């Protein structure tokens, strides 16, 4: 493996970890919105969650 490949892999790993943490945070937001009955916030959080999960899937391929 070349240095540039290792560097790229390290960058992807960091981004994956970041996205995983963001997903955890948004899932908590979804639960709070559900509990409070805040539909607009719930919709926004669900859209954000879908975006983050799509980005994560893309990086993991």
Protein backbone atom coordinates (compact mmCIF):
# COMPACT_ATOMS: atom_id res chain seq x y z
CA UNK A 1 0.00 0.00 0.00
CA UNK A 2 1.37 3.39 -0.95
CA UNK A 3 1.61 6.32 1.41
CA UNK A 4 -1.15 8.17 -0.45
CA UNK A 5 -3.45 5.14 -0.15
CA UNK A 6 -2.76 4.92 3.59
CA UNK A 7 -3.38 8.67 3.95
CA UNK A 8 -6.68 8.39 2.06
CA UNK A 9 -7.79 5.41 4.17
CA UNK A 10 -6.99 7.29 7.37
CA UNK A 11 -9.05 10.24 6.17
CA UNK A 12 -11.98 7.99 5.34
CA UNK A 13 -11.77 6.30 8.73
CA UNK A 14 -11.86 9.66 10.48
CA UNK A 15 -14.84 10.77 8.42
CA UNK A 16 -16.62 7.47 9.12
CA UNK A 17 -16.10 7.92 12.86
CA UNK A 18 -17.36 11.50 12.63
CA UNK A 19 -20.48 10.43 10.72
CA UNK A 20 -21.17 7.62 13.20
CA UNK A 21 -21.07 10.13 16.06
CA UNK A 22 -23.35 12.51 14.16
CA UNK A 23 -25.80 9.66 13.54
CA UNK A 24 -25.89 8.84 17.26
CA UNK A 25 -26.58 12.49 18.06
CA UNK A 26 -29.38 12.78 15.50
CA UNK A 27 -30.98 9.53 16.73
CA UNK A 28 -31.12 11.06 20.21
CA UNK A 29 -32.73 14.16 18.72
CA UNK A 30 -35.31 11.96 16.96
CA UNK A 31 -36.21 10.28 20.26
CA UNK A 32 -36.57 13.64 22.03
CA UNK A 33 -38.74 15.01 19.24
CA UNK A 34 -40.93 11.89 19.31
CA UNK A 35 -41.31 12.12 23.08
CA UNK A 36 -42.22 15.81 22.89
CA UNK A 37 -44.57 15.33 19.93
CA UNK A 38 -42.68 17.88 17.83
CA UNK A 39 -43.46 16.71 14.30
CA UNK A 40 -41.56 19.41 12.41
CA UNK A 41 -38.35 18.78 14.35
CA UNK A 42 -38.87 15.04 14.00
CA UNK A 43 -39.19 15.38 10.21
CA UNK A 44 -36.03 17.50 10.02
CA UNK A 45 -34.09 15.07 12.18
CA UNK A 46 -35.23 12.09 10.13
CA UNK A 47 -34.13 13.80 6.92
CA UNK A 48 -30.76 14.61 8.45
CA UNK A 49 -30.41 11.03 9.67
CA UNK A 50 -31.12 9.70 6.17
CA UNK A 51 -28.50 12.04 4.69
CA UNK A 52 -25.86 11.00 7.22
CA UNK A 53 -26.56 7.30 6.77
CA UNK A 54 -26.32 7.69 2.97
CA UNK A 55 -22.95 9.42 3.30
CA UNK A 56 -21.75 6.69 5.64
CA UNK A 57 -22.86 3.96 3.26
CA UNK A 58 -21.03 5.73 0.45
CA UNK A 59 -17.77 5.88 2.42
CA UNK A 60 -17.98 2.28 3.57
CA UNK A 61 -18.21 0.96 0.00
